Amino acid sequence: MARLFSYDSKTAQVLSRIWDLLVLNFLFLLGSLPVVTFGVSAIAAYSVMLKIIEDRDTGIVKEYLRAFRANVKQGLVLSVMAIVCVAAIVADFFLFENSRGNPLIFLVLGFLSLAMFHVHFFYVFALAARYQNSIFRHLSNSRDIFSRFVVRSLICTAIVGFEVWLFFFYDWLLLFVGVFIAPVLIIGTKSAFALRIFRAIEAESQDR
């Protein structure tokens, strides 16, 4: 029994990693509470998650706080941009539902805006966490990566969509559980897909 829970045992390592993920989930939610700091918190969380996947993390809290402080400016800008984009998308669908005759143009604009938002923001936080670049370059790189690796990106989108549905729309009990694990699970899913793509692109750059 003592060997089972020794620090070097597989069980202890798994439990330790689960605890790390719960802590990261808490830090992400705490850092996102003012809403406008959501982008900063997301970049920090992705920074930690990418290192966890690569087994390069040296401490969840320390890594998160370091990444949070280092990305305040671009994280805030991305937050504001995301809020404005979401507001515009909601406005399009609202106008479609509430305008006389339900003008089709608002529905089309809503879906087009949603698609543009999705491809530009799908990888942007992982990119900002891993690379030094301008905000607009991160956004355009996210779009380019989504377009180039469209099958992987759509599979990842479907998995994330299922996770959102399962934890936030399927059952009230899972909704409660989802608060503690869903955000970090989504970040982990997207990070795993993103990291494989990033490594492929990095390998191509080294071969040139």
C-alpha atoms as a PDB file:
ATOM      1  CA  MET A   1       0.000   0.000   0.000  1.00  0.00           C
ATOM      2  CA  ALA A   2       2.829   2.392   0.857  1.00  0.00           C
ATOM      3  CA  ARG A   3       4.419   1.711  -2.524  1.00  0.00           C
ATOM      4  CA  LEU A   4       1.086   2.436  -4.256  1.00  0.00           C
ATOM      5  CA  PHE A   5       1.038   6.006  -2.951  1.00  0.00           C
ATOM      6  CA  SER A   6       4.766   6.706  -2.999  1.00  0.00           C
ATOM      7  CA  TYR A   7       5.677   9.743  -5.068  1.00  0.00           C
ATOM      8  CA  ASP A   8       7.396   7.603  -7.708  1.00  0.00           C
ATOM      9  CA  SER A   9       4.408   5.301  -8.236  1.00  0.00           C
ATOM     10  CA  LYS A  10       2.206   5.636 -11.319  1.00  0.00           C
ATOM     11  CA  THR A  11      -0.861   6.130  -9.126  1.00  0.00           C
ATOM     12  CA  ALA A  12       0.700   9.038  -7.255  1.00  0.00           C
ATOM     13  CA  GLN A  13       1.875  10.620 -10.498  1.00  0.00           C
ATOM     14  CA  VAL A  14      -1.596  10.356 -12.046  1.00  0.00           C
ATOM     15  CA  LEU A  15      -3.232  11.809  -8.940  1.00  0.00           C
ATOM     16  CA  SER A  16      -0.659  14.597  -8.879  1.00  0.00           C
ATOM     17  CA  ARG A  17      -1.360  15.421 -12.528  1.00  0.00           C
ATOM     18  CA  ILE A  18      -5.128  15.442 -11.914  1.00  0.00           C
ATOM     19  CA  TRP A  19      -4.562  17.856  -9.050  1.00  0.00           C
ATOM     20  CA  ASP A  20      -2.424  20.044 -11.319  1.00  0.00           C
ATOM     21  CA  LEU A  21      -5.249  20.210 -13.858  1.00  0.00           C
ATOM     22  CA  LEU A  22      -7.801  21.113 -11.182  1.00  0.00           C
ATOM     23  CA  VAL A  23      -5.511  23.886  -9.960  1.00  0.00           C
ATOM     24  CA  LEU A  24      -5.025  25.158 -13.519  1.00  0.00           C
ATOM     25  CA  ASN A  25      -8.798  25.129 -14.050  1.00  0.00           C
ATOM     26  CA  PHE A  26      -9.276  27.175 -10.877  1.00  0.00           C
ATOM     27  CA  LEU A  27      -6.584  29.666 -11.873  1.00  0.00           C
ATOM     28  CA  PHE A  28      -8.094  30.054 -15.351  1.00  0.00           C
ATOM     29  CA  LEU A  29     -11.566  30.743 -13.949  1.00  0.00           C
ATOM     30  CA  LEU A  30     -10.205  33.104 -11.306  1.00  0.00           C
ATOM     31  CA  GLY A  31      -8.171  35.007 -13.872  1.00  0.00           C
ATOM     32  CA  SER A  32     -11.222  35.286 -16.142  1.00  0.00           C
ATOM     33  CA  LEU A  33     -13.568  36.704 -13.493  1.00  0.00           C
ATOM     34  CA  PRO A  34     -13.338  40.345 -14.637  1.00  0.00           C
ATOM     35  CA  VAL A  35     -14.293  38.998 -18.143  1.00  0.00           C
ATOM     36  CA  VAL A  36     -12.018  41.530 -19.827  1.00  0.00           C
ATOM     37  CA  THR A  37      -9.021  39.540 -18.541  1.00  0.00           C
ATOM     38  CA  PHE A  38     -10.326  36.324 -20.111  1.00  0.00           C
ATOM     39  CA  GLY A  39      -7.775  36.572 -22.915  1.00  0.00           C
ATOM     40  CA  VAL A  40      -4.880  37.032 -20.505  1.00  0.00           C
ATOM     41  CA  SER A  41      -6.010  34.057 -18.450  1.00  0.00           C
ATOM     42  CA  ALA A  42      -6.518  31.936 -21.564  1.00  0.00           C
ATOM     43  CA  ILE A  43      -3.003  32.614 -22.861  1.00  0.00           C
ATOM     44  CA  ALA A  44      -1.556  31.783 -19.440  1.00  0.00           C
ATOM     45  CA  ALA A  45      -3.595  28.576 -19.209  1.00  0.00           C
ATOM     46  CA  TYR A  46      -2.562  27.481 -22.707  1.00  0.00           C
ATOM     47  CA  SER A  47       1.062  28.254 -21.881  1.00  0.00           C
ATOM     48  CA  VAL A  48       0.912  25.925 -18.888  1.00  0.00           C
ATOM     49  CA  MET A  49      -1.086  23.243 -20.718  1.00  0.00           C
ATOM     50  CA  LEU A  50       1.320  23.115 -23.653  1.00  0.00           C
ATOM     51  CA  LYS A  51       4.194  22.615 -21.204  1.00  0.00           C
ATOM     52  CA  ILE A  52       2.226  19.914 -19.363  1.00  0.00           C
ATOM     53  CA  ILE A  53       1.701  17.999 -22.603  1.00  0.00           C
ATOM     54  CA  GLU A  54       5.411  18.308 -23.401  1.00  0.00           C
ATOM     55  CA  ASP A  55       6.254  17.403 -19.788  1.00  0.00           C
ATOM     56  CA  ARG A  56       8.164  20.660 -19.358  1.00  0.00           C
ATOM     57  CA  ASP A  57       6.104  22.232 -16.573  1.00  0.00           C
ATOM     58  CA  THR A  58       7.932  23.285 -13.425  1.00  0.00           C
ATOM     59  CA  GLY A  59       4.999  24.306 -11.240  1.00  0.00           C
ATOM     60  CA  ILE A  60       1.428  25.125 -12.220  1.00  0.00           C
ATOM     61  CA  VAL A  61       0.889  28.264 -10.143  1.00  0.00           C
ATOM     62  CA  LYS A  62       4.328  29.721 -10.857  1.00  0.00           C
ATOM     63  CA  GLU A  63       4.079  29.039 -14.608  1.00  0.00           C
ATOM     64  CA  TYR A  64       0.549  30.438 -14.809  1.00  0.00           C
ATOM     65  CA  LEU A  65       1.354  33.658 -12.952  1.00  0.00           C
ATOM     66  CA  ARG A  66       4.498  34.203 -15.007  1.00  0.00           C
ATOM     67  CA  ALA A  67       2.591  33.765 -18.274  1.00  0.00           C
ATOM     68  CA  PHE A  68      -0.290  35.913 -17.009  1.00  0.00           C
ATOM     69  CA  ARG A  69       2.008  38.840 -16.207  1.00  0.00           C
ATOM     70  CA  ALA A  70       3.881  38.486 -19.492  1.00  0.00           C
ATOM     71  CA  ASN A  71       0.724  38.584 -21.625  1.00  0.00           C
ATOM     72  CA  VAL A  72      -1.440  41.240 -19.997  1.00  0.00           C
ATOM     73  CA  LYS A  73      -1.335  43.670 -22.915  1.00  0.00           C
ATOM     74  CA  GLN A  74      -2.064  41.316 -25.791  1.00  0.00           C
ATOM     75  CA  GLY A  75      -4.478  39.297 -23.664  1.00  0.00           C
ATOM     76  CA  LEU A  76      -6.567  42.372 -22.870  1.00  0.00           C
ATOM     77  CA  VAL A  77      -6.645  43.394 -26.532  1.00  0.00           C
ATOM     78  CA  LEU A  78      -7.746  39.903 -27.570  1.00  0.00           C
ATOM     79  CA  SER A  79     -10.422  39.948 -24.866  1.00  0.00           C
ATOM     80  CA  VAL A  80     -11.857  43.228 -26.122  1.00  0.00           C
ATOM     81  CA  MET A  81     -11.730  42.024 -29.726  1.00  0.00           C
ATOM     82  CA  ALA A  82     -13.486  38.781 -28.797  1.00  0.00           C
ATOM     83  CA  ILE A  83     -16.185  40.620 -26.831  1.00  0.00           C
ATOM     84  CA  VAL A  84     -16.842  42.980 -29.743  1.00  0.00           C
ATOM     85  CA  CYS A  85     -16.996  40.076 -32.212  1.00  0.00           C
ATOM     86  CA  VAL A  86     -19.372  38.060 -30.040  1.00  0.00           C
ATOM     87  CA  ALA A  87     -21.577  41.124 -29.543  1.00  0.00           C
ATOM     88  CA  ALA A  88     -21.724  41.635 -33.320  1.00  0.00           C
ATOM     89  CA  ILE A  89     -22.631  37.983 -33.907  1.00  0.00           C
ATOM     90  CA  VAL A  90     -25.365  38.085 -31.263  1.00  0.00           C
ATOM     91  CA  ALA A  91     -26.679  41.337 -32.755  1.00  0.00           C
ATOM     92  CA  ASP A  92     -26.962  39.746 -36.212  1.00  0.00           C
ATOM     93  CA  PHE A  93     -29.021  36.819 -34.924  1.00  0.00           C
ATOM     94  CA  PHE A  94     -31.077  39.121 -32.694  1.00  0.00           C
ATOM     95  CA  LEU A  95     -31.932  41.363 -35.633  1.00  0.00           C
ATOM     96  CA  PHE A  96     -32.882  38.321 -37.720  1.00  0.00           C
ATOM     97  CA  GLU A  97     -35.234  37.052 -35.017  1.00  0.00           C
ATOM     98  CA  ASN A  98     -36.770  40.391 -34.099  1.00  0.00           C
ATOM     99  CA  SER A  99     -36.924  42.369 -37.344  1.00  0.00           C
ATOM    100  CA  ARG A 100     -40.122  42.350 -39.372  1.00  0.00           C
ATOM    101  CA  GLY A 101     -40.002  39.671 -42.036  1.00  0.00           C
ATOM    102  CA  ASN A 102     -36.882  38.076 -40.546  1.00  0.00           C
ATOM    103  CA  PRO A 103     -34.440  39.552 -43.101  1.00  0.00           C
ATOM    104  CA  LEU A 104     -32.243  36.734 -44.380  1.00  0.00           C
ATOM    105  CA  ILE A 105     -29.261  39.067 -44.654  1.00  0.00           C
ATOM    106  CA  PHE A 106     -28.900  39.161 -40.857  1.00  0.00           C
ATOM    107  CA  LEU A 107     -28.905  35.362 -40.663  1.00  0.00           C
ATOM    108  CA  VAL A 108     -26.251  35.118 -43.379  1.00  0.00           C
ATOM    109  CA  LEU A 109     -24.146  37.809 -41.714  1.00  0.00           C
ATOM    110  CA  GLY A 110     -24.514  36.029 -38.387  1.00  0.00           C
ATOM    111  CA  PHE A 111     -23.198  32.719 -39.700  1.00  0.00           C
ATOM    112  CA  LEU A 112     -20.433  34.379 -41.712  1.00  0.00           C
ATOM    113  CA  SER A 113     -19.349  36.383 -38.672  1.00  0.00           C
ATOM    114  CA  LEU A 114     -19.447  33.250 -36.524  1.00  0.00           C
ATOM    115  CA  ALA A 115     -17.284  31.342 -39.011  1.00  0.00           C
ATOM    116  CA  MET A 116     -14.769  34.191 -39.259  1.00  0.00           C
ATOM    117  CA  PHE A 117     -14.609  34.507 -35.482  1.00  0.00           C
ATOM    118  CA  HIS A 118     -14.117  30.761 -35.097  1.00  0.00           C
ATOM    119  CA  VAL A 119     -11.191  30.408 -37.499  1.00  0.00           C
ATOM    120  CA  HIS A 120      -9.406  33.545 -36.278  1.00  0.00           C
ATOM    121  CA  PHE A 121      -9.739  32.739 -32.570  1.00  0.00           C
ATOM    122  CA  PHE A 122      -9.566  28.932 -32.571  1.00  0.00           C
ATOM    123  CA  TYR A 123      -5.774  28.750 -32.251  1.00  0.00           C
ATOM    124  CA  VAL A 124      -4.998  32.334 -31.303  1.00  0.00           C
ATOM    125  CA  PHE A 125      -4.498  31.791 -27.561  1.00  0.00           C
ATOM    126  CA  ALA A 126      -2.279  28.743 -28.087  1.00  0.00           C
ATOM    127  CA  LEU A 127      -0.259  30.694 -30.660  1.00  0.00           C
ATOM    128  CA  ALA A 128       0.119  33.651 -28.308  1.00  0.00           C
ATOM    129  CA  ALA A 129       1.201  31.272 -25.547  1.00  0.00           C
ATOM    130  CA  ARG A 130       3.927  29.626 -27.650  1.00  0.00           C
ATOM    131  CA  TYR A 131       5.224  32.322 -29.991  1.00  0.00           C
ATOM    132  CA  GLN A 132       6.217  35.974 -29.884  1.00  0.00           C
ATOM    133  CA  ASN A 133       4.287  37.869 -32.530  1.00  0.00           C
ATOM    134  CA  SER A 134       1.872  40.725 -33.109  1.00  0.00           C
ATOM    135  CA  ILE A 135      -1.784  40.253 -32.246  1.00  0.00           C
ATOM    136  CA  PHE A 136      -2.900  40.538 -35.846  1.00  0.00           C
ATOM    137  CA  ARG A 137      -0.234  38.035 -36.917  1.00  0.00           C
ATOM    138  CA  HIS A 138      -1.528  35.570 -34.313  1.00  0.00           C
ATOM    139  CA  LEU A 139      -5.064  36.037 -35.647  1.00  0.00           C
ATOM    140  CA  SER A 140      -4.033  35.572 -39.267  1.00  0.00           C
ATOM    141  CA  ASN A 141      -1.871  32.568 -38.356  1.00  0.00           C
ATOM    142  CA  SER A 142      -4.839  30.991 -36.586  1.00  0.00           C
ATOM    143  CA  ARG A 143      -6.920  31.439 -39.724  1.00  0.00           C
ATOM    144  CA  ASP A 144      -4.166  30.055 -41.957  1.00  0.00           C
ATOM    145  CA  ILE A 145      -3.586  27.032 -39.708  1.00  0.00           C
ATOM    146  CA  PHE A 146      -7.302  26.283 -39.537  1.00  0.00           C
ATOM    147  CA  SER A 147      -7.542  26.467 -43.328  1.00  0.00           C
ATOM    148  CA  ARG A 148      -4.451  24.358 -43.952  1.00  0.00           C
ATOM    149  CA  PHE A 149      -5.252  21.699 -41.348  1.00  0.00           C
ATOM    150  CA  VAL A 150      -8.990  21.935 -41.853  1.00  0.00           C
ATOM    151  CA  VAL A 151      -9.770  18.250 -41.192  1.00  0.00           C
ATOM    152  CA  ARG A 152      -7.890  18.185 -37.877  1.00  0.00           C
ATOM    153  CA  SER A 153      -9.372  21.556 -36.951  1.00  0.00           C
ATOM    154  CA  LEU A 154     -12.919  20.393 -37.662  1.00  0.00           C
ATOM    155  CA  ILE A 155     -12.358  17.191 -35.675  1.00  0.00           C
ATOM    156  CA  CYS A 156     -11.064  19.268 -32.764  1.00  0.00           C
ATOM    157  CA  THR A 157     -14.039  21.602 -33.130  1.00  0.00           C
ATOM    158  CA  ALA A 158     -16.413  18.625 -32.983  1.00  0.00           C
ATOM    159  CA  ILE A 159     -14.719  17.210 -29.870  1.00  0.00           C
ATOM    160  CA  VAL A 160     -14.778  20.582 -28.117  1.00  0.00           C
ATOM    161  CA  GLY A 161     -18.405  21.045 -29.154  1.00  0.00           C
ATOM    162  CA  PHE A 162     -19.250  17.663 -27.626  1.00  0.00           C
ATOM    163  CA  GLU A 163     -17.450  18.588 -24.404  1.00  0.00           C
ATOM    164  CA  VAL A 164     -19.380  21.862 -24.186  1.00  0.00           C
ATOM    165  CA  TRP A 165     -22.682  20.089 -24.842  1.00  0.00           C
ATOM    166  CA  LEU A 166     -21.936  17.307 -22.348  1.00  0.00           C
ATOM    167  CA  PHE A 167     -20.927  19.526 -19.453  1.00  0.00           C
ATOM    168  CA  PHE A 168     -23.094  22.590 -19.998  1.00  0.00           C
ATOM    169  CA  PHE A 169     -26.271  21.465 -21.761  1.00  0.00           C
ATOM    170  CA  TYR A 170     -26.840  17.755 -21.113  1.00  0.00           C
ATOM    171  CA  ASP A 171     -27.540  17.501 -17.381  1.00  0.00           C
ATOM    172  CA  TRP A 172     -27.541  19.829 -14.390  1.00  0.00           C
ATOM    173  CA  LEU A 173     -25.257  17.487 -12.420  1.00  0.00           C
ATOM    174  CA  LEU A 174     -22.699  17.479 -15.214  1.00  0.00           C
ATOM    175  CA  LEU A 175     -23.046  21.255 -15.326  1.00  0.00           C
ATOM    176  CA  PHE A 176     -21.864  21.366 -11.715  1.00  0.00           C
ATOM    177  CA  VAL A 177     -19.002  18.970 -12.452  1.00  0.00           C
ATOM    178  CA  GLY A 178     -18.176  20.875 -15.615  1.00  0.00           C
ATOM    179  CA  VAL A 179     -17.311  24.013 -13.702  1.00  0.00           C
ATOM    180  CA  PHE A 180     -14.386  22.152 -12.148  1.00  0.00           C
ATOM    181  CA  ILE A 181     -13.088  20.270 -15.187  1.00  0.00           C
ATOM    182  CA  ALA A 182     -14.672  21.438 -18.467  1.00  0.00           C
ATOM    183  CA  PRO A 183     -12.546  24.564 -19.102  1.00  0.00           C
ATOM    184  CA  VAL A 184      -9.239  22.774 -18.560  1.00  0.00           C
ATOM    185  CA  LEU A 185     -10.500  19.767 -20.543  1.00  0.00           C
ATOM    186  CA  ILE A 186     -11.326  22.020 -23.498  1.00  0.00           C
ATOM    187  CA  ILE A 187      -7.975  23.800 -23.213  1.00  0.00           C
ATOM    188  CA  GLY A 188      -6.231  20.429 -23.025  1.00  0.00           C
ATOM    189  CA  THR A 189      -8.056  19.101 -26.087  1.00  0.00           C
ATOM    190  CA  LYS A 190      -7.246  22.153 -28.191  1.00  0.00           C
ATOM    191  CA  SER A 191      -3.661  22.251 -26.910  1.00  0.00           C
ATOM    192  CA  ALA A 192      -3.071  18.610 -27.886  1.00  0.00           C
ATOM    193  CA  PHE A 193      -4.299  19.235 -31.437  1.00  0.00           C
ATOM    194  CA  ALA A 194      -2.497  22.572 -31.697  1.00  0.00           C
ATOM    195  CA  LEU A 195       0.815  21.199 -30.458  1.00  0.00           C
ATOM    196  CA  ARG A 196       0.931  18.481 -33.123  1.00  0.00           C
ATOM    197  CA  ILE A 197       0.266  21.108 -35.784  1.00  0.00           C
ATOM    198  CA  PHE A 198       2.820  23.522 -34.328  1.00  0.00           C
ATOM    199  CA  ARG A 199       5.486  20.804 -34.279  1.00  0.00           C
ATOM    200  CA  ALA A 200       4.758  19.910 -37.900  1.00  0.00           C
ATOM    201  CA  ILE A 201       5.095  23.544 -38.957  1.00  0.00           C
ATOM    202  CA  GLU A 202       8.260  23.994 -36.878  1.00  0.00           C
ATOM    203  CA  ALA A 203       9.780  20.883 -38.469  1.00  0.00           C
ATOM    204  CA  GLU A 204       9.009  22.259 -41.926  1.00  0.00           C
ATOM    205  CA  SER A 205      10.704  25.543 -41.036  1.00  0.00           C
ATOM    206  CA  GLN A 206      13.847  23.730 -39.876  1.00  0.00           C
ATOM    207  CA  ASP A 207      14.041  21.714 -43.104  1.00  0.00           C
ATOM    208  CA  ARG A 208      14.093  24.829 -45.281  1.00  0.00           C
END
